[in-house]
Amino acid sequence: MEKLKVLIVDDEHLIRNLIRMRIDWEQEGFEIVGEAPNAQEAMELVEQQKPDVILTDIYMPNIDGIEFSRSVLEKHPQIKIVVVSGHDEFEYAQQSIKIGVFDFLLKPIRAAELLHVTSKLKRKIEEERSREGELTRLKEELARNLPYLREKFLLQWLQGTLSREEIREQAEYFQLPAFRQQAPYQIAVVEITPIAEKHTEEQLILLGMACKRKMELFFQGDPFVTVLSDTRNQFVLISFRPEGDLAGICEALLNRLIHAPKGMVNIGVGRKRQSLQEGHLGYKEACNAIRYKAFVGNNQVICYEDMVDSREETYRSNPELLRQLQFYISVGSSDRAAEMLEQIFDVSFSSVSQFRMAAMDVIHECQHAAMEQQLDGEQGLDTETLVSIITADNLPELVQALEPYVLQVAKAISAKRQAKEGNLIHQVQAYLEQNLGDPGVGLASTAAVFFVSPGHLGRLMKKETGQTFVEYLTNLRMKKAECLLKTTDFKGYEIGERVGITDPHYFSILFKKATGRSMNEYRNA
């Protein structure tokens, strides 16, 4: 500790000199910074030198030592005053104790007594300065921790653990003037979620820090909005804005936050509140609103009052929609299957488990259609797809995972049907070439051979060949007739019989229509 400053006040020069010479002041840790023969000069030196200790005589001209001590202690209560008095002034000197004088010395001043007093002075001043230093450190620490303590108060308020009086007193202490206005307020909760499923604790903390910094910059200079951390990836906004809806402000904030690297943002907004004791209700509403991301997806602002009345229905399977979905999958109509899927999920769900139940209904119909069409195993539902569907934590994500599977099954069935139909026509064509000499061959008889309906076979022939069944068969017979005319000497009616047309007249008409010439003209040419 640096040397303590001492001021000596006495109207007698010899007494002042005696006090100075009685002990080694420097060795004791003191420094005499001035002497004064009267109170007036002493007061000037007090203001100039700011002494730690004053030794003053009682009897002095104009202003005595008691009055002088009172004046000094009124302005500088930290200064320690020691009164010097004679034996006949002892009772008078005792009165000085009442005004706060530290101690007194009797004349003649002895070195031992002076050392005893200076020792007490030094110890007392060191104790006081130590306490002052500790108090200063505590105040500095309090100032450093004030943001944390303020945030702790706000979190306690949001938990509903404080009384009205505690809220008022602490809001006053932490300088939150908005709490004094008794104005409507609104609470929002901002949740930050990493995009990557696998992330380290450090990445999560850095993501939260980056987003909080963006929020603080967004609301910088706005005295009506307070931002605080709830958890490592969740933050709370408390808005006392007299005008404007917090949801609209959060939409603008969302546009800033969604650009944060590798993070998804959802903001839940509670209803407006009037009473400060309802803060925990507004906070709970904001947290509950975030849970509805399961229905609306990520990167959304969700208002509790918009959601609370819109999700009251319980999901029940719609057999008619599911039957239509299976039908369109079975016939390979991807577009219509997608429309049915949209209708199935265009209902209100009250929980995540309910829209997962709806997804399982759709999966069941797809599997049923795949089994009916005897799809290969790889065209069915693989484990990875199933896991992505049943673990989706929001409705848009689930539909996004489910729709490709539905379309995949429909397309696989369509491809198989087309391959099967193409193969059927090839078989029919081979059958007709082998049996075109049979006059009984026709659409109905051929359909019966291949166990399909005449109408279905007729449509397939038209689709695959561009001709009706009759046109294709007639064209086939005429080509065979041309070949026979070129390579044999059969008569016309004989060729007709060999190609399955027993009526010579009808055969000649068909041949001329097909070739543009009669059989004689064709053969002669």
Protein backbone atom coordinates (compact mmCIF):
# COMPACT_ATOMS: atom_id res chain seq x y z
CA MET A 1 0.00 0.00 0.00
CA GLU A 2 1.30 3.50 -0.77
CA LYS A 3 2.26 5.83 2.07
CA LEU A 4 -0.57 7.46 4.01
CA LYS A 5 -0.70 11.27 3.88
CA VAL A 6 -0.60 13.14 7.17
CA LEU A 7 -1.56 16.78 7.89
CA ILE A 8 -0.49 18.39 11.21
CA VAL A 9 -2.60 21.31 12.54
CA ASP A 10 -1.48 23.25 15.61
CA ASP A 11 -1.04 26.94 16.35
CA GLU A 12 2.29 26.27 18.08
CA HIS A 13 5.30 25.67 15.83
CA LEU A 14 7.14 23.71 18.54
CA ILE A 15 4.26 21.26 18.95
CA ARG A 16 4.06 20.72 15.17
CA ASN A 17 7.82 20.13 15.06
CA LEU A 18 7.61 17.79 18.07
CA ILE A 19 4.98 15.66 16.37
CA ARG A 20 7.08 15.55 13.19
CA MET A 21 10.22 14.50 15.04
CA ARG A 22 8.75 12.07 17.58
CA ILE A 23 8.73 9.03 15.26
CA ASP A 24 10.07 7.97 11.86
CA TRP A 25 6.91 8.55 9.88
CA GLU A 26 8.22 7.09 6.62
CA GLN A 27 9.31 3.91 8.33
CA GLU A 28 5.81 3.55 9.73
CA GLY A 29 4.32 4.00 6.26
CA PHE A 30 3.25 7.65 6.52
CA GLU A 31 4.19 10.84 4.72
CA ILE A 32 3.68 14.32 6.22
CA VAL A 33 2.28 16.39 3.35
CA GLY A 34 1.68 19.66 5.23
CA GLU A 35 1.39 21.72 8.40
CA ALA A 36 -1.07 24.47 9.31
CA PRO A 37 -1.18 26.90 12.24
CA ASN A 38 -4.96 27.35 12.10
CA ALA A 39 -8.17 25.82 10.81
CA GLN A 40 -8.53 28.12 7.81
CA GLU A 41 -5.14 27.21 6.32
CA ALA A 42 -5.71 23.60 7.26
CA MET A 43 -8.97 23.47 5.27
CA GLU A 44 -7.12 24.75 2.20
CA LEU A 45 -4.47 22.05 2.61
CA VAL A 46 -7.17 19.40 3.04
CA GLU A 47 -8.61 20.30 -0.36
CA GLN A 48 -5.16 20.46 -1.97
CA GLN A 49 -3.45 17.40 -0.47
CA LYS A 50 -6.41 15.10 0.31
CA PRO A 51 -4.70 13.72 3.46
CA ASP A 52 -5.58 10.36 4.94
CA VAL A 53 -4.84 11.45 8.53
CA ILE A 54 -5.09 14.80 10.37
CA LEU A 55 -3.53 15.45 13.76
CA THR A 56 -5.12 18.63 15.21
CA ASP A 57 -4.88 20.56 18.45
CA ILE A 58 -8.11 21.49 20.24
CA TYR A 59 -7.39 25.07 21.14
CA MET A 60 -6.72 27.22 18.12
CA PRO A 61 -7.61 30.82 17.28
CA ASN A 62 -11.00 31.56 15.65
CA ILE A 63 -12.01 27.94 14.90
CA ASP A 64 -11.11 25.30 17.47
CA GLY A 65 -10.11 21.71 16.67
CA ILE A 66 -13.55 20.25 17.40
CA GLU A 67 -15.30 22.58 14.96
CA PHE A 68 -12.57 22.06 12.41
CA SER A 69 -12.91 18.28 12.74
CA ARG A 70 -16.67 18.48 12.28
CA SER A 71 -16.27 20.52 9.07
CA VAL A 72 -13.68 18.12 7.65
CA LEU A 73 -15.70 14.98 8.40
CA GLU A 74 -18.85 16.43 6.87
CA LYS A 75 -17.06 16.82 3.53
CA HIS A 76 -14.52 13.97 3.80
CA PRO A 77 -15.85 11.24 6.09
CA GLN A 78 -13.04 8.88 5.04
CA ILE A 79 -10.31 11.10 6.66
CA LYS A 80 -9.12 9.90 10.06
CA ILE A 81 -8.72 12.68 12.65
CA VAL A 82 -6.65 12.40 15.83
CA VAL A 83 -7.20 15.17 18.40
CA VAL A 84 -4.24 16.34 20.52
CA SER A 85 -5.17 17.72 23.95
CA GLY A 86 -3.76 18.46 27.34
CA HIS A 87 -4.88 16.85 30.64
CA ASP A 88 -7.12 19.79 31.50
CA GLU A 89 -8.79 19.44 28.08
CA PHE A 90 -9.45 15.70 28.41
CA GLU A 91 -13.22 15.89 28.97
CA TYR A 92 -13.49 18.36 26.11
CA ALA A 93 -11.47 16.03 23.91
CA GLN A 94 -13.77 13.12 24.73
CA GLN A 95 -16.61 15.03 23.06
CA SER A 96 -14.71 14.79 19.81
CA ILE A 97 -15.35 11.05 19.78
CA LYS A 98 -19.05 11.77 19.31
CA ILE A 99 -18.49 13.64 16.05
CA GLY A 100 -16.45 10.78 14.56
CA VAL A 101 -12.88 11.64 15.53
CA PHE A 102 -10.78 8.47 15.30
CA ASP A 103 -8.68 8.88 18.46
CA PHE A 104 -6.95 11.46 20.69
CA LEU A 105 -3.49 11.96 22.21
CA LEU A 106 -2.56 13.59 25.50
CA LYS A 107 0.18 16.17 25.84
CA PRO A 108 3.02 15.80 26.25
CA ILE A 109 3.10 13.47 23.26
CA ARG A 110 5.09 10.32 23.85
CA ALA A 111 6.61 8.30 20.99
CA ALA A 112 5.10 5.03 22.21
CA GLU A 113 1.61 6.48 22.32
CA LEU A 114 2.06 8.08 18.90
CA LEU A 115 3.28 4.76 17.47
CA HIS A 116 0.32 2.98 19.01
CA VAL A 117 -2.12 5.43 17.40
CA THR A 118 -0.40 5.35 14.00
CA SER A 119 -0.46 1.55 14.09
CA LYS A 120 -4.21 1.60 14.72
CA LEU A 121 -4.66 4.19 11.98
CA LYS A 122 -2.74 2.15 9.46
CA ARG A 123 -4.59 -1.04 10.30
CA LYS A 124 -7.98 0.70 10.17
CA ILE A 125 -7.30 2.41 6.86
CA GLU A 126 -5.98 -0.81 5.33
CA GLU A 127 -9.13 -2.66 6.45
CA GLU A 128 -11.38 0.01 5.02
CA ARG A 129 -9.51 0.17 1.75
CA SER A 130 -9.58 -3.61 1.50
CA ARG A 131 -13.35 -3.54 1.99
CA GLU A 132 -13.68 -0.71 -0.50
CA GLY A 133 -11.55 -2.64 -2.98
CA GLU A 134 -13.64 -5.75 -2.48
CA LEU A 135 -16.81 -3.71 -2.86
CA THR A 136 -15.44 -2.15 -6.03
CA ARG A 137 -14.57 -5.59 -7.39
CA LEU A 138 -18.04 -6.84 -6.50
CA LYS A 139 -19.62 -3.87 -8.26
CA GLU A 140 -17.46 -4.46 -11.33
CA GLU A 141 -18.37 -8.13 -11.31
CA LEU A 142 -22.03 -7.23 -10.93
CA ALA A 143 -21.74 -4.88 -13.91
CA ARG A 144 -20.14 -7.65 -15.98
CA ASN A 145 -22.82 -10.15 -14.97
CA LEU A 146 -25.71 -7.73 -15.29
CA PRO A 147 -26.75 -9.01 -18.76
CA TYR A 148 -26.75 -12.58 -17.44
CA LEU A 149 -28.72 -11.62 -14.31
CA ARG A 150 -31.16 -9.64 -16.43
CA GLU A 151 -31.65 -12.64 -18.71
CA LYS A 152 -32.10 -14.88 -15.66
CA PHE A 153 -34.87 -12.59 -14.38
CA LEU A 154 -36.64 -12.65 -17.75
CA LEU A 155 -36.45 -16.45 -17.91
CA GLN A 156 -37.89 -16.67 -14.39
CA TRP A 157 -40.67 -14.35 -15.51
CA LEU A 158 -41.36 -16.55 -18.53
CA GLN A 159 -41.55 -19.58 -16.24
CA GLY A 160 -44.18 -17.84 -14.10
CA THR A 161 -42.21 -18.17 -10.83
CA LEU A 162 -42.26 -14.45 -9.83
CA SER A 163 -44.91 -12.46 -7.99
CA ARG A 164 -46.25 -9.14 -9.26
CA GLU A 165 -44.07 -7.23 -6.78
CA GLU A 166 -40.95 -9.19 -7.73
CA ILE A 167 -41.57 -8.52 -11.41
CA ARG A 168 -41.98 -4.79 -10.76
CA GLU A 169 -38.91 -4.46 -8.51
CA GLN A 170 -36.56 -6.49 -10.70
CA ALA A 171 -37.74 -4.81 -13.90
CA GLU A 172 -36.94 -1.47 -12.25
CA TYR A 173 -33.50 -2.68 -11.13
CA PHE A 174 -32.59 -4.08 -14.55
CA GLN A 175 -33.83 -0.91 -16.27
CA LEU A 176 -36.63 -2.43 -18.32
CA PRO A 177 -38.93 0.58 -18.76
CA ALA A 178 -41.32 -1.32 -21.05
CA PHE A 179 -42.41 -3.38 -18.03
CA ARG A 180 -43.66 -0.20 -16.33
CA GLN A 181 -45.96 0.81 -19.17
CA GLN A 182 -48.58 -1.88 -18.58
CA ALA A 183 -48.87 -2.06 -22.38
CA PRO A 184 -49.84 -5.14 -24.44
CA TYR A 185 -46.92 -7.41 -25.22
CA GLN A 186 -46.28 -10.48 -27.33
CA ILE A 187 -43.78 -13.32 -27.05
CA ALA A 188 -42.15 -15.33 -29.85
CA VAL A 189 -39.79 -18.30 -29.70
CA VAL A 190 -37.14 -18.81 -32.40
CA GLU A 191 -35.89 -22.38 -32.87
CA ILE A 192 -32.70 -23.08 -34.83
CA THR A 193 -32.17 -26.63 -36.09
CA PRO A 194 -29.08 -27.90 -37.96
CA ILE A 195 -29.82 -29.24 -41.43
CA ALA A 196 -27.26 -32.03 -41.11
CA GLU A 197 -28.46 -34.95 -39.01
CA LYS A 198 -24.92 -35.53 -37.75
CA HIS A 199 -23.44 -32.46 -36.08
CA THR A 200 -21.06 -31.76 -33.24
CA GLU A 201 -21.85 -29.84 -30.08
CA GLU A 202 -19.51 -27.10 -31.26
CA GLN A 203 -21.35 -26.74 -34.57
CA LEU A 204 -24.67 -26.43 -32.72
CA ILE A 205 -23.30 -23.77 -30.37
CA LEU A 206 -21.71 -21.78 -33.22
CA LEU A 207 -24.96 -21.93 -35.19
CA GLY A 208 -26.88 -20.58 -32.20
CA MET A 209 -24.33 -17.81 -31.62
CA ALA A 210 -24.46 -16.74 -35.27
CA CYS A 211 -28.26 -16.59 -35.27
CA LYS A 212 -28.43 -14.70 -31.97
CA ARG A 213 -25.97 -12.15 -33.32
CA LYS A 214 -28.17 -11.67 -36.39
CA MET A 215 -31.24 -11.20 -34.19
CA GLU A 216 -29.48 -8.65 -31.98
CA LEU A 217 -28.39 -6.70 -35.06
CA PHE A 218 -31.92 -6.92 -36.48
CA PHE A 219 -33.43 -5.39 -33.32
CA GLN A 220 -30.51 -3.07 -32.55
CA GLY A 221 -31.76 0.26 -31.28
CA ASP A 222 -35.31 -1.03 -30.75
CA PRO A 223 -36.17 -0.37 -27.06
CA PHE A 224 -39.43 -2.30 -27.32
CA VAL A 225 -37.97 -5.72 -28.25
CA THR A 226 -35.79 -7.88 -25.99
CA VAL A 227 -33.82 -10.91 -27.26
CA LEU A 228 -32.64 -13.61 -24.87
CA SER A 229 -31.38 -17.19 -25.02
CA ASP A 230 -33.69 -19.95 -23.84
CA THR A 231 -31.62 -22.99 -24.74
CA ARG A 232 -28.56 -23.46 -26.94
CA ASN A 233 -30.71 -23.50 -30.10
CA GLN A 234 -33.82 -21.63 -28.97
CA PHE A 235 -34.30 -17.90 -28.38
CA VAL A 236 -37.10 -15.72 -27.04
CA LEU A 237 -38.35 -12.38 -28.37
CA ILE A 238 -40.37 -10.16 -26.01
CA SER A 239 -42.07 -7.30 -27.83
CA PHE A 240 -43.77 -4.31 -26.19
CA ARG A 241 -44.14 -2.49 -29.48
CA PRO A 242 -47.21 -0.24 -29.32
CA GLU A 243 -47.88 -0.73 -33.03
CA GLY A 244 -47.29 -3.53 -35.50
CA ASP A 245 -47.87 -7.24 -35.29
CA LEU A 246 -44.98 -9.37 -34.04
CA ALA A 247 -45.76 -12.05 -36.64
CA GLY A 248 -45.02 -9.62 -39.46
CA ILE A 249 -41.75 -8.59 -37.82
CA CYS A 250 -40.82 -12.26 -37.41
CA GLU A 251 -41.41 -12.85 -41.14
CA ALA A 252 -38.79 -10.20 -41.92
CA LEU A 253 -36.48 -11.70 -39.27
CA LEU A 254 -36.96 -15.17 -40.76
CA ASN A 255 -35.71 -13.95 -44.14
CA ARG A 256 -32.49 -12.88 -42.42
CA LEU A 257 -32.04 -16.06 -40.41
CA ILE A 258 -32.75 -18.70 -43.07
CA HIS A 259 -29.51 -17.71 -44.78
CA ALA A 260 -27.58 -18.90 -41.73
CA PRO A 261 -25.28 -21.74 -42.79
CA LYS A 262 -26.73 -25.23 -42.50
CA GLY A 263 -29.69 -24.30 -40.33
CA MET A 264 -33.48 -24.40 -40.41
CA VAL A 265 -35.54 -21.78 -38.57
CA ASN A 266 -39.03 -21.94 -37.11
CA ILE A 267 -40.66 -19.10 -35.17
CA GLY A 268 -43.68 -19.61 -32.92
CA VAL A 269 -45.70 -16.54 -31.92
CA GLY A 270 -47.99 -16.43 -28.88
CA ARG A 271 -51.09 -14.29 -28.52
CA LYS A 272 -50.99 -10.70 -27.24
CA ARG A 273 -51.15 -10.33 -23.46
CA GLN A 274 -51.98 -7.46 -21.09
CA SER A 275 -51.00 -8.65 -17.60
CA LEU A 276 -47.30 -9.13 -16.86
CA GLN A 277 -48.22 -12.13 -14.72
CA GLU A 278 -49.39 -13.91 -17.90
CA GLY A 279 -45.94 -13.90 -19.46
CA HIS A 280 -45.55 -17.64 -18.91
CA LEU A 281 -48.81 -18.22 -20.85
CA GLY A 282 -47.62 -16.26 -23.88
CA TYR A 283 -44.28 -18.10 -23.74
CA LYS A 284 -46.01 -21.49 -23.55
CA GLU A 285 -48.21 -20.59 -26.54
CA ALA A 286 -45.14 -19.63 -28.60
CA CYS A 287 -43.45 -22.96 -27.73
CA ASN A 288 -46.61 -24.88 -28.63
CA ALA A 289 -46.89 -23.01 -31.94
CA ILE A 290 -43.44 -24.29 -32.96
CA ARG A 291 -44.68 -27.87 -32.55
CA TYR A 292 -47.05 -27.24 -35.45
CA LYS A 293 -44.04 -27.25 -37.78
CA ALA A 294 -45.00 -30.93 -38.07
CA PHE A 295 -47.94 -29.78 -40.18
CA VAL A 296 -46.54 -26.76 -42.03
CA GLY A 297 -42.87 -27.68 -42.48
CA ASN A 298 -39.65 -25.85 -41.65
CA ASN A 299 -38.60 -22.21 -42.12
CA GLN A 300 -42.03 -20.92 -41.12
CA VAL A 301 -43.55 -18.32 -38.79
CA ILE A 302 -46.38 -20.07 -36.94
CA CYS A 303 -48.96 -18.10 -34.94
CA TYR A 304 -50.57 -19.95 -32.07
CA GLU A 305 -53.97 -18.33 -32.61
CA ASP A 306 -53.97 -19.48 -36.25
CA MET A 307 -53.26 -23.09 -35.32
CA VAL A 308 -55.12 -23.65 -32.07
CA ASP A 309 -58.56 -24.04 -33.64
CA SER A 310 -57.57 -25.58 -36.94
CA ARG A 311 -56.24 -28.95 -35.81
CA GLU A 312 -59.06 -30.45 -33.80
CA GLU A 313 -60.16 -33.30 -36.09
CA THR A 314 -59.01 -36.88 -35.63
CA TYR A 315 -57.76 -38.69 -38.72
CA ARG A 316 -59.88 -41.56 -40.03
CA SER A 317 -59.08 -43.61 -43.12
CA ASN A 318 -61.16 -42.68 -46.17
CA PRO A 319 -61.86 -46.05 -47.88
CA GLU A 320 -63.14 -44.42 -51.08
CA LEU A 321 -60.05 -42.26 -51.60
CA LEU A 322 -57.78 -45.20 -50.81
CA ARG A 323 -59.71 -47.44 -53.26
CA GLN A 324 -59.32 -44.83 -56.00
CA LEU A 325 -55.63 -44.46 -55.19
CA GLN A 326 -55.12 -48.22 -55.56
CA PHE A 327 -57.06 -48.26 -58.82
CA TYR A 328 -54.97 -45.49 -60.41
CA ILE A 329 -51.76 -47.13 -59.22
CA SER A 330 -52.93 -50.48 -60.63
CA VAL A 331 -53.65 -49.02 -64.06
CA GLY A 332 -50.33 -47.14 -64.02
CA SER A 333 -51.84 -43.63 -63.97
CA SER A 334 -49.18 -41.62 -62.13
CA ASP A 335 -50.89 -38.24 -62.49
CA ARG A 336 -54.21 -39.43 -61.08
CA ALA A 337 -52.44 -41.31 -58.28
CA ALA A 338 -50.66 -38.06 -57.30
CA GLU A 339 -54.04 -36.25 -57.23
CA MET A 340 -55.49 -38.93 -54.93
CA LEU A 341 -52.46 -38.65 -52.64
CA GLU A 342 -52.98 -34.91 -52.34
CA GLN A 343 -56.65 -35.41 -51.40
CA ILE A 344 -55.81 -38.04 -48.78
CA PHE A 345 -53.49 -35.62 -46.97
CA ASP A 346 -55.70 -32.56 -47.46
CA VAL A 347 -57.28 -33.07 -44.03
CA SER A 348 -56.58 -31.86 -40.49
CA PHE A 349 -54.28 -33.92 -38.32
CA SER A 350 -54.04 -33.48 -34.57
CA SER A 351 -50.65 -35.14 -34.13
CA VAL A 352 -47.59 -36.45 -35.96
CA SER A 353 -48.69 -40.02 -35.30
CA GLN A 354 -51.93 -39.40 -37.19
CA PHE A 355 -50.35 -38.32 -40.48
CA ARG A 356 -47.96 -41.24 -40.14
CA MET A 357 -51.04 -43.48 -39.87
CA ALA A 358 -52.30 -41.94 -43.12
CA ALA A 359 -48.92 -42.66 -44.71
CA MET A 360 -49.16 -46.31 -43.67
CA ASP A 361 -52.62 -46.50 -45.29
CA VAL A 362 -51.11 -45.25 -48.55
CA ILE A 363 -48.17 -47.66 -48.30
CA HIS A 364 -50.60 -50.54 -47.75
CA GLU A 365 -52.54 -49.66 -50.93
CA CYS A 366 -49.31 -49.40 -52.92
CA GLN A 367 -48.12 -52.77 -51.67
CA HIS A 368 -51.49 -54.33 -52.45
CA ALA A 369 -51.39 -53.00 -56.02
CA ALA A 370 -47.78 -54.16 -56.43
CA MET A 371 -48.66 -57.67 -55.23
CA GLU A 372 -51.65 -57.89 -57.57
CA GLN A 373 -49.46 -56.94 -60.52
CA GLN A 374 -46.72 -59.30 -59.32
CA LEU A 375 -44.03 -56.65 -59.31
CA ASP A 376 -40.48 -57.75 -58.66
CA GLY A 377 -39.15 -57.22 -55.16
CA GLU A 378 -36.91 -54.29 -56.09
CA GLN A 379 -39.97 -52.40 -57.30
CA GLY A 380 -41.56 -52.61 -53.86
CA LEU A 381 -40.88 -50.56 -50.72
CA ASP A 382 -37.22 -50.60 -49.68
CA THR A 383 -36.18 -50.14 -46.06
CA GLU A 384 -34.54 -46.74 -46.59
CA THR A 385 -37.69 -45.30 -48.16
CA LEU A 386 -39.88 -46.74 -45.41
CA VAL A 387 -37.66 -45.27 -42.67
CA SER A 388 -37.62 -41.83 -44.31
CA ILE A 389 -41.44 -41.89 -44.46
CA ILE A 390 -42.25 -43.08 -40.96
CA THR A 391 -39.60 -40.91 -39.28
CA ALA A 392 -40.53 -37.65 -41.03
CA ASP A 393 -41.24 -35.09 -38.32
CA ASN A 394 -43.43 -32.79 -40.41
CA LEU A 395 -46.21 -33.28 -42.93
CA PRO A 396 -44.57 -31.63 -45.98
CA GLU A 397 -41.44 -33.73 -45.43
CA LEU A 398 -43.51 -36.91 -45.15
CA VAL A 399 -45.50 -36.22 -48.35
CA GLN A 400 -42.25 -35.31 -50.09
CA ALA A 401 -40.84 -38.74 -49.17
CA LEU A 402 -44.09 -40.64 -49.86
CA GLU A 403 -45.04 -39.22 -53.27
CA PRO A 404 -41.97 -40.54 -55.18
CA TYR A 405 -42.69 -44.03 -53.84
CA VAL A 406 -46.34 -43.89 -54.98
CA LEU A 407 -45.30 -42.65 -58.43
CA GLN A 408 -42.55 -45.26 -58.61
CA VAL A 409 -45.04 -48.10 -58.00
CA ALA A 410 -47.52 -46.65 -60.51
CA LYS A 411 -44.81 -46.27 -63.17
CA ALA A 412 -43.46 -49.76 -62.51
CA ILE A 413 -46.94 -51.24 -62.94
CA SER A 414 -47.48 -49.17 -66.09
CA ALA A 415 -44.17 -50.36 -67.54
CA LYS A 416 -44.95 -53.97 -66.76
CA ARG A 417 -48.42 -53.69 -68.24
CA GLN A 418 -47.03 -52.18 -71.41
CA ALA A 419 -44.44 -54.93 -71.70
CA LYS A 420 -47.08 -57.54 -71.07
CA GLU A 421 -49.46 -56.02 -73.59
CA GLY A 422 -46.72 -55.75 -76.20
CA ASN A 423 -45.83 -59.40 -75.66
CA LEU A 424 -49.52 -60.38 -75.98
CA ILE A 425 -49.81 -58.66 -79.36
CA HIS A 426 -46.68 -60.44 -80.58
CA GLN A 427 -48.26 -63.72 -79.59
CA VAL A 428 -51.54 -62.80 -81.31
CA GLN A 429 -49.68 -61.82 -84.47
CA ALA A 430 -47.85 -65.16 -84.52
CA TYR A 431 -51.13 -66.98 -83.90
CA LEU A 432 -52.86 -65.20 -86.79
CA GLU A 433 -50.00 -65.95 -89.17
CA GLN A 434 -50.24 -69.62 -88.27
CA ASN A 435 -54.04 -69.77 -88.49
CA LEU A 436 -55.00 -67.26 -91.16
CA GLY A 437 -56.24 -70.13 -93.36
CA ASP A 438 -58.93 -70.91 -90.80
CA PRO A 439 -62.11 -69.06 -91.84
CA GLY A 440 -63.25 -69.22 -88.20
CA VAL A 441 -60.45 -67.02 -86.94
CA GLY A 442 -61.74 -63.62 -85.76
CA LEU A 443 -61.54 -61.15 -82.90
CA ALA A 444 -63.77 -63.11 -80.52
CA SER A 445 -62.18 -66.49 -81.16
CA THR A 446 -58.65 -65.07 -80.88
CA ALA A 447 -59.50 -63.24 -77.65
CA ALA A 448 -60.83 -66.49 -76.22
CA VAL A 449 -57.58 -68.28 -77.09
CA PHE A 450 -55.59 -65.70 -75.06
CA PHE A 451 -58.13 -65.32 -72.25
CA VAL A 452 -58.80 -61.63 -72.76
CA SER A 453 -61.93 -59.77 -73.70
CA PRO A 454 -62.54 -58.95 -77.37
CA GLY A 455 -62.80 -55.27 -76.53
CA HIS A 456 -59.48 -55.27 -74.68
CA LEU A 457 -57.76 -57.18 -77.47
CA GLY A 458 -59.19 -54.83 -80.06
CA ARG A 459 -57.90 -51.80 -78.17
CA LEU A 460 -54.44 -53.35 -77.77
CA MET A 461 -54.25 -54.19 -81.51
CA LYS A 462 -55.14 -50.64 -82.41
CA LYS A 463 -52.61 -49.28 -79.89
CA GLU A 464 -49.73 -51.52 -80.97
CA THR A 465 -50.29 -51.78 -84.76
CA GLY A 466 -52.31 -48.70 -85.63
CA GLN A 467 -54.96 -50.98 -87.23
CA THR A 468 -58.14 -52.60 -86.03
CA PHE A 469 -58.09 -56.36 -85.54
CA VAL A 470 -60.11 -56.94 -88.76
CA GLU A 471 -57.90 -54.54 -90.74
CA TYR A 472 -54.75 -56.26 -89.50
CA LEU A 473 -56.10 -59.79 -90.23
CA THR A 474 -57.39 -58.80 -93.70
CA ASN A 475 -54.08 -57.13 -94.57
CA LEU A 476 -52.25 -60.25 -93.42
CA ARG A 477 -54.46 -62.47 -95.63
CA MET A 478 -54.03 -60.23 -98.67
CA LYS A 479 -50.23 -60.31 -98.35
CA LYS A 480 -50.38 -64.09 -98.17
CA ALA A 481 -52.66 -64.13 -101.23
CA GLU A 482 -50.18 -61.97 -103.19
CA CYS A 483 -47.42 -64.39 -102.30
CA LEU A 484 -49.49 -67.37 -103.49
CA LEU A 485 -50.35 -65.64 -106.77
CA LYS A 486 -46.65 -65.06 -107.43
CA THR A 487 -45.41 -68.50 -106.50
CA THR A 488 -48.23 -70.96 -107.41
CA ASP A 489 -50.71 -71.77 -110.14
CA PHE A 490 -53.65 -71.95 -107.74
CA LYS A 491 -56.91 -70.58 -108.98
CA GLY A 492 -58.46 -67.57 -107.31
CA TYR A 493 -61.01 -69.44 -105.21
CA GLU A 494 -58.27 -71.87 -104.11
CA ILE A 495 -56.07 -69.04 -102.87
CA GLY A 496 -59.10 -67.54 -101.06
CA GLU A 497 -59.69 -70.80 -99.27
CA ARG A 498 -55.99 -71.05 -98.30
CA VAL A 499 -56.10 -67.61 -96.68
CA GLY A 500 -59.40 -68.27 -94.84
CA ILE A 501 -61.87 -66.49 -97.21
CA THR A 502 -64.16 -69.13 -98.71
CA ASP A 503 -66.42 -66.76 -100.67
CA PRO A 504 -64.65 -66.23 -104.06
CA HIS A 505 -66.61 -63.07 -104.86
CA TYR A 506 -65.88 -61.50 -101.48
CA PHE A 507 -62.23 -62.53 -101.76
CA SER A 508 -61.85 -60.92 -105.19
CA ILE A 509 -63.39 -57.68 -103.90
CA LEU A 510 -61.00 -57.58 -100.91
CA PHE A 511 -57.98 -58.37 -103.08
CA LYS A 512 -58.71 -55.63 -105.61
CA LYS A 513 -59.32 -53.15 -102.78
CA ALA A 514 -56.00 -54.07 -101.21
CA THR A 515 -53.86 -54.12 -104.39
CA GLY A 516 -55.83 -51.95 -106.83
CA ARG A 517 -55.92 -54.80 -109.40
CA SER A 518 -57.85 -57.97 -109.97
CA MET A 519 -56.12 -61.31 -109.43
CA ASN A 520 -55.71 -61.92 -113.20
CA GLU A 521 -54.23 -58.45 -113.71
CA TYR A 522 -51.92 -58.91 -110.76
CA ARG A 523 -50.76 -62.36 -111.98
CA ASN A 524 -50.28 -61.19 -115.58
CA ALA A 525 -48.29 -58.22 -114.42
